[in-house]
Amino acid sequence: MLDYSSLHAIAMIAQTGSFEKAARILNVTPSAISQRVKHLEERLGTVLIVRGSPCTATPQGEWLCRHIERVSMLEQDLLSHLPGLADPDGPRRRVTLHVATNADSLATWFIKAVSAFSKNSDYLLNIAVDDQDHTAQWLKRGRVLAAVTSLGKPVQGCHVTPLGSLRYLATASPDFMRRHFSQGVTLENLASAPALIFGQKDRLQDLWIRQTLKQETDYPTHCLPSVESFVEACLSGMGWCMNPEPLVRKHLQRGELIELVPETSLDVALFWQTNRLASERLTPLTQNIVKEASKVLHHKA
């Protein structure tokens, strides 16, 4: 049998990053929390919590956290129908849903979706951010229950909902275009024109070059892990980059930014994958995700 008091301790430590905070929320002593974790780790023969500041869950601990998350969702659903089962003297536990999305979706439409969901739900949200090509790994590793991802093939145990494509445009400031692309965009001048990348996982520039020029090339890069700063840096002439079309539309209309090669957008298909065991209870969130995504993302005719 699973010791759910220990599982709750693991989940709360991972959520708060502290044994002390977890103890206060669960209305027990820090010593009791420590003993629960120790006994479960000894029973399983593996470390579940990495002690530090903050404390974090190991991969094995993450799986237990997602299990208790699903159990808590079921329990909350049961108590809504049978409130007499609730312990009137026990701590009120609000369930935290762990989801993942890419930074560009977060900056363009995702926040509106989760905000609309949160207004009519008692769930809390913990949103992880990663490249759209890598958020599926969060699902595979049991770190989240749902994710916005570029992977259309279902992760094992997950349900997939197509959302549409986020359109990216290769843009630069007029001054940058004069300095680097006065004779047009070629592989040669791309090789010396600095580009902006979000991080080492960012491959959008490579995809655009391959799609537009039918070849590949190396190019110098500035690393800037902020969507909003991407636009600002592009406006200031720091480099060229792939920007989500919704974020630069007004700058293009004003002539503050220019497409490197007109009408060469790059569309990245996005999908919403949810753990099948939790998908039914995530239906309201999925509905808001689909609704807000449809306002921004492109769909094939």
Protein backbone atom coordinates (compact mmCIF):
# COMPACT_ATOMS: atom_id res chain seq x y z
CA MET A 1 0.00 0.00 0.00
CA LEU A 2 1.11 3.52 -0.73
CA ASP A 3 1.67 5.86 2.19
CA TYR A 4 -0.21 8.93 1.00
CA SER A 5 0.88 11.10 3.91
CA SER A 6 4.47 10.59 2.69
CA LEU A 7 3.47 11.22 -0.93
CA HIS A 8 1.81 14.48 0.06
CA ALA A 9 4.99 15.45 1.89
CA ILE A 10 7.11 14.79 -1.21
CA ALA A 11 4.75 16.77 -3.44
CA MET A 12 4.53 19.72 -1.06
CA ILE A 13 8.32 19.91 -0.60
CA ALA A 14 8.79 19.88 -4.37
CA GLN A 15 6.15 22.57 -4.76
CA THR A 16 7.38 24.91 -2.03
CA GLY A 17 11.09 24.07 -2.15
CA SER A 18 11.27 23.73 1.62
CA PHE A 19 10.62 21.13 4.34
CA GLU A 20 9.54 23.94 6.69
CA LYS A 21 6.99 25.44 4.28
CA ALA A 22 5.63 22.00 3.46
CA ALA A 23 5.23 21.29 7.18
CA ARG A 24 3.26 24.52 7.74
CA ILE A 25 0.91 23.80 4.83
CA LEU A 26 0.33 20.20 5.94
CA ASN A 27 -0.03 21.32 9.57
CA VAL A 28 2.68 19.01 10.92
CA THR A 29 6.19 19.54 12.30
CA PRO A 30 9.26 19.74 10.04
CA SER A 31 10.54 16.67 11.86
CA ALA A 32 7.43 14.71 10.87
CA ILE A 33 7.88 15.78 7.24
CA SER A 34 11.53 14.74 7.33
CA GLN A 35 10.67 11.34 8.80
CA ARG A 36 8.01 10.69 6.16
CA VAL A 37 10.43 11.44 3.34
CA LYS A 38 13.21 9.40 4.93
CA HIS A 39 11.01 6.35 5.45
CA LEU A 40 9.69 6.45 1.87
CA GLU A 41 13.19 6.88 0.43
CA GLU A 42 14.42 3.93 2.49
CA ARG A 43 11.48 1.81 1.41
CA LEU A 44 12.04 2.58 -2.28
CA GLY A 45 15.81 2.53 -2.05
CA THR A 46 16.22 5.82 -3.92
CA VAL A 47 16.50 9.55 -3.25
CA LEU A 48 13.26 11.41 -3.88
CA ILE A 49 14.17 14.91 -2.71
CA VAL A 50 17.45 16.71 -3.38
CA ARG A 51 18.08 18.73 -0.22
CA GLY A 52 19.12 22.29 -0.94
CA SER A 53 17.82 25.81 -1.28
CA PRO A 54 15.38 25.23 -2.82
CA CYS A 55 14.72 21.52 -2.37
CA THR A 56 13.83 19.76 -5.63
CA ALA A 57 12.39 16.41 -6.60
CA THR A 58 14.51 13.79 -8.34
CA PRO A 59 13.06 12.13 -11.48
CA GLN A 60 11.64 9.40 -9.24
CA GLY A 61 10.21 12.05 -6.95
CA GLU A 62 8.63 13.81 -9.94
CA TRP A 63 6.72 10.65 -10.84
CA LEU A 64 5.35 10.45 -7.31
CA CYS A 65 4.41 14.14 -7.46
CA ARG A 66 2.40 13.63 -10.67
CA HIS A 67 0.71 10.57 -9.13
CA ILE A 68 -0.39 12.48 -6.04
CA GLU A 69 -1.49 15.31 -8.35
CA ARG A 70 -3.86 12.95 -10.19
CA VAL A 71 -5.05 11.40 -6.93
CA SER A 72 -5.73 14.86 -5.49
CA MET A 73 -7.75 15.77 -8.58
CA LEU A 74 -9.88 12.66 -8.09
CA GLU A 75 -10.23 13.41 -4.39
CA GLN A 76 -11.31 16.98 -5.06
CA ASP A 77 -13.91 15.73 -7.52
CA LEU A 78 -15.20 13.22 -4.96
CA LEU A 79 -15.44 15.82 -2.19
CA SER A 80 -17.44 18.13 -4.43
CA HIS A 81 -20.10 15.41 -4.56
CA LEU A 82 -19.66 14.09 -1.02
CA PRO A 83 -18.51 17.05 1.12
CA GLY A 84 -19.21 15.08 4.29
CA LEU A 85 -16.04 13.08 3.63
CA ALA A 86 -13.85 16.13 4.17
CA ASP A 87 -12.00 16.46 7.46
CA PRO A 88 -13.27 19.75 8.94
CA ASP A 89 -10.12 20.08 11.05
CA GLY A 90 -7.69 19.09 8.30
CA PRO A 91 -5.71 21.53 6.11
CA ARG A 92 -7.38 22.70 2.91
CA ARG A 93 -5.31 21.37 0.04
CA ARG A 94 -5.61 23.10 -3.31
CA VAL A 95 -4.36 20.99 -6.19
CA THR A 96 -1.51 22.42 -8.27
CA LEU A 97 -1.50 21.40 -11.93
CA HIS A 98 1.92 21.23 -13.56
CA VAL A 99 1.92 22.13 -17.26
CA ALA A 100 4.57 23.18 -19.78
CA THR A 101 4.56 25.54 -22.74
CA ASN A 102 7.00 27.30 -25.03
CA ALA A 103 8.00 30.92 -24.34
CA ASP A 104 6.47 32.31 -27.54
CA SER A 105 3.05 30.82 -26.78
CA LEU A 106 3.32 32.17 -23.25
CA ALA A 107 4.00 35.65 -24.67
CA THR A 108 1.22 35.61 -27.27
CA TRP A 109 -1.84 33.59 -26.22
CA PHE A 110 -1.21 31.02 -23.44
CA ILE A 111 -1.59 33.41 -20.49
CA LYS A 112 -5.08 34.42 -21.61
CA ALA A 113 -6.07 30.76 -21.77
CA VAL A 114 -4.84 29.80 -18.30
CA SER A 115 -6.14 33.05 -16.80
CA ALA A 116 -9.64 32.35 -18.11
CA PHE A 117 -9.38 28.82 -16.71
CA SER A 118 -8.16 29.96 -13.29
CA LYS A 119 -11.09 32.37 -12.84
CA ASN A 120 -13.51 29.45 -12.78
CA SER A 121 -11.36 26.81 -11.14
CA ASP A 122 -9.94 26.08 -7.71
CA TYR A 123 -6.79 24.60 -9.23
CA LEU A 124 -3.43 26.35 -8.96
CA LEU A 125 -0.99 26.26 -11.87
CA ASN A 126 2.74 25.68 -12.06
CA ILE A 127 3.86 26.61 -15.61
CA ALA A 128 7.21 25.38 -16.90
CA VAL A 129 8.75 26.99 -19.99
CA ASP A 130 10.91 25.22 -22.56
CA ASP A 131 11.43 25.10 -26.31
CA GLN A 132 8.37 23.70 -28.15
CA ASP A 133 10.54 20.85 -29.48
CA HIS A 134 11.42 19.82 -25.92
CA THR A 135 8.25 20.28 -23.81
CA ALA A 136 7.16 16.75 -24.77
CA GLN A 137 10.11 15.50 -22.74
CA TRP A 138 8.51 17.01 -19.64
CA LEU A 139 5.49 14.77 -20.30
CA LYS A 140 7.63 11.69 -20.96
CA ARG A 141 9.53 12.21 -17.71
CA GLY A 142 6.35 12.67 -15.68
CA ARG A 143 7.18 16.26 -14.75
CA VAL A 144 3.90 17.74 -16.09
CA LEU A 145 0.37 16.56 -16.82
CA ALA A 146 -0.04 18.60 -20.01
CA ALA A 147 2.08 20.56 -22.46
CA VAL A 148 2.07 22.75 -25.54
CA THR A 149 4.47 21.01 -27.91
CA SER A 150 5.49 20.78 -31.56
CA LEU A 151 5.23 16.98 -31.31
CA GLY A 152 2.10 15.79 -33.07
CA LYS A 153 2.67 12.11 -32.28
CA PRO A 154 1.11 11.26 -28.91
CA VAL A 155 3.51 10.82 -26.03
CA GLN A 156 2.80 7.41 -24.46
CA GLY A 157 -0.29 7.70 -22.29
CA CYS A 158 -1.27 11.11 -23.65
CA HIS A 159 -4.09 12.58 -25.73
CA VAL A 160 -3.26 15.07 -28.52
CA THR A 161 -5.27 18.13 -29.57
CA PRO A 162 -4.03 20.10 -32.64
CA LEU A 163 -3.91 23.84 -31.96
CA GLY A 164 -2.70 25.39 -35.22
CA SER A 165 0.59 26.98 -36.26
CA LEU A 166 2.41 29.91 -34.69
CA ARG A 167 3.78 32.07 -37.51
CA TYR A 168 7.31 33.43 -37.28
CA LEU A 169 8.86 36.19 -39.39
CA ALA A 170 12.58 36.81 -39.96
CA THR A 171 12.89 40.49 -39.04
CA ALA A 172 15.50 43.18 -38.51
CA SER A 173 15.61 46.95 -38.09
CA PRO A 174 16.04 49.20 -41.18
CA ASP A 175 19.50 50.18 -39.94
CA PHE A 176 20.54 46.53 -39.52
CA MET A 177 19.25 45.77 -43.02
CA ARG A 178 21.35 48.60 -44.48
CA ARG A 179 24.47 47.48 -42.61
CA HIS A 180 24.26 43.78 -43.42
CA PHE A 181 21.79 43.14 -46.24
CA SER A 182 22.04 46.15 -48.56
CA GLN A 183 22.72 43.77 -51.47
CA GLY A 184 20.04 41.29 -50.43
CA VAL A 185 20.00 38.28 -48.12
CA THR A 186 22.51 35.63 -49.13
CA LEU A 187 24.33 32.79 -47.40
CA GLU A 188 27.48 34.90 -47.50
CA ASN A 189 26.12 37.93 -45.66
CA LEU A 190 24.07 35.77 -43.26
CA ALA A 191 27.37 34.21 -42.22
CA SER A 192 28.54 37.58 -40.87
CA ALA A 193 25.25 39.14 -39.71
CA PRO A 194 24.58 38.50 -35.97
CA ALA A 195 21.36 36.67 -35.18
CA LEU A 196 19.46 36.56 -31.92
CA ILE A 197 18.70 33.15 -30.42
CA PHE A 198 16.67 32.26 -27.34
CA GLY A 199 19.11 29.56 -26.29
CA GLN A 200 21.00 26.54 -27.57
CA LYS A 201 17.74 24.69 -28.23
CA ASP A 202 16.49 27.46 -30.55
CA ARG A 203 16.56 26.19 -34.14
CA LEU A 204 14.04 28.54 -35.77
CA GLN A 205 16.72 30.57 -37.54
CA ASP A 206 18.25 27.39 -38.99
CA LEU A 207 14.85 26.22 -40.20
CA TRP A 208 14.10 29.56 -41.86
CA ILE A 209 17.47 29.68 -43.65
CA ARG A 210 17.00 26.12 -44.91
CA GLN A 211 13.42 26.83 -46.02
CA THR A 212 14.22 30.17 -47.68
CA LEU A 213 17.68 29.64 -49.18
CA LYS A 214 17.55 25.84 -49.53
CA GLN A 215 20.95 25.53 -47.85
CA GLU A 216 22.51 25.80 -44.40
CA THR A 217 25.15 28.14 -43.02
CA ASP A 218 26.76 29.04 -39.72
CA TYR A 219 26.21 32.54 -38.37
CA PRO A 220 27.23 34.57 -35.30
CA THR A 221 24.66 34.72 -32.50
CA HIS A 222 23.66 36.75 -29.47
CA CYS A 223 21.88 34.61 -26.85
CA LEU A 224 18.91 36.40 -25.29
CA PRO A 225 16.44 34.19 -23.34
CA SER A 226 13.51 36.63 -23.31
CA VAL A 227 10.73 36.91 -25.90
CA GLU A 228 10.01 40.56 -25.12
CA SER A 229 13.72 41.43 -25.18
CA PHE A 230 13.99 39.68 -28.54
CA VAL A 231 11.68 42.26 -30.07
CA GLU A 232 13.40 45.14 -28.28
CA ALA A 233 16.87 43.96 -29.35
CA CYS A 234 15.65 43.53 -32.90
CA LEU A 235 14.24 47.06 -32.91
CA SER A 236 17.53 48.43 -31.60
CA GLY A 237 19.51 46.84 -34.43
CA MET A 238 21.33 44.28 -32.29
CA GLY A 239 20.59 41.43 -34.69
CA TRP A 240 18.06 39.69 -36.89
CA CYS A 241 15.77 37.01 -35.50
CA MET A 242 12.64 34.96 -35.84
CA ASN A 243 9.82 36.78 -34.06
CA PRO A 244 6.24 35.58 -33.55
CA GLU A 245 4.13 37.51 -36.04
CA PRO A 246 1.62 38.75 -33.40
CA LEU A 247 4.43 40.50 -31.49
CA VAL A 248 5.93 42.37 -34.44
CA ARG A 249 2.89 43.09 -36.61
CA LYS A 250 2.59 46.72 -35.51
CA HIS A 251 6.35 47.30 -35.85
CA LEU A 252 6.25 46.01 -39.42
CA GLN A 253 3.29 48.25 -40.22
CA ARG A 254 5.16 51.28 -38.86
CA GLY A 255 8.35 50.40 -40.74
CA GLU A 256 10.28 49.93 -37.48
CA LEU A 257 11.09 46.37 -38.52
CA ILE A 258 11.54 44.81 -41.96
CA GLU A 259 11.24 41.23 -43.12
CA LEU A 260 14.60 39.93 -44.31
CA VAL A 261 12.89 38.28 -47.28
CA PRO A 262 9.23 39.29 -47.79
CA GLU A 263 6.59 36.57 -47.60
CA THR A 264 8.88 33.86 -46.19
CA SER A 265 7.13 33.14 -42.92
CA LEU A 266 7.91 29.99 -40.96
CA ASP A 267 4.88 28.23 -39.47
CA VAL A 268 5.43 25.94 -36.47
CA ALA A 269 2.57 23.54 -35.75
CA LEU A 270 1.64 23.28 -32.07
CA PHE A 271 -0.28 20.62 -30.17
CA TRP A 272 -1.77 20.32 -26.68
CA GLN A 273 -0.93 16.96 -25.13
CA THR A 274 -2.56 15.85 -21.89
CA ASN A 275 -2.03 12.83 -19.70
CA ARG A 276 -4.94 10.47 -20.45
CA LEU A 277 -5.51 9.72 -16.76
CA ALA A 278 -6.10 13.42 -16.12
CA SER A 279 -7.48 14.57 -19.49
CA GLU A 280 -11.14 14.39 -18.44
CA ARG A 281 -10.56 16.68 -15.45
CA LEU A 282 -8.41 18.95 -17.60
CA THR A 283 -11.25 19.43 -20.11
CA PRO A 284 -12.04 23.02 -18.99
CA LEU A 285 -8.36 23.94 -19.34
CA THR A 286 -8.16 22.25 -22.74
CA GLN A 287 -11.24 24.14 -23.91
CA ASN A 288 -9.67 27.47 -22.93
CA ILE A 289 -6.36 26.48 -24.55
CA VAL A 290 -8.09 25.65 -27.84
CA LYS A 291 -10.23 28.80 -27.73
CA GLU A 292 -7.36 31.24 -27.18
CA ALA A 293 -5.01 29.43 -29.55
CA SER A 294 -7.59 29.69 -32.35
CA LYS A 295 -7.48 33.49 -32.08
CA VAL A 296 -3.73 33.67 -32.74
CA LEU A 297 -2.55 30.52 -34.49
CA HIS A 298 -2.92 29.83 -38.19
CA HIS A 299 -4.87 26.93 -39.65
CA LYS A 300 -4.51 25.33 -43.05
CA ALA A 301 -7.34 26.16 -45.42
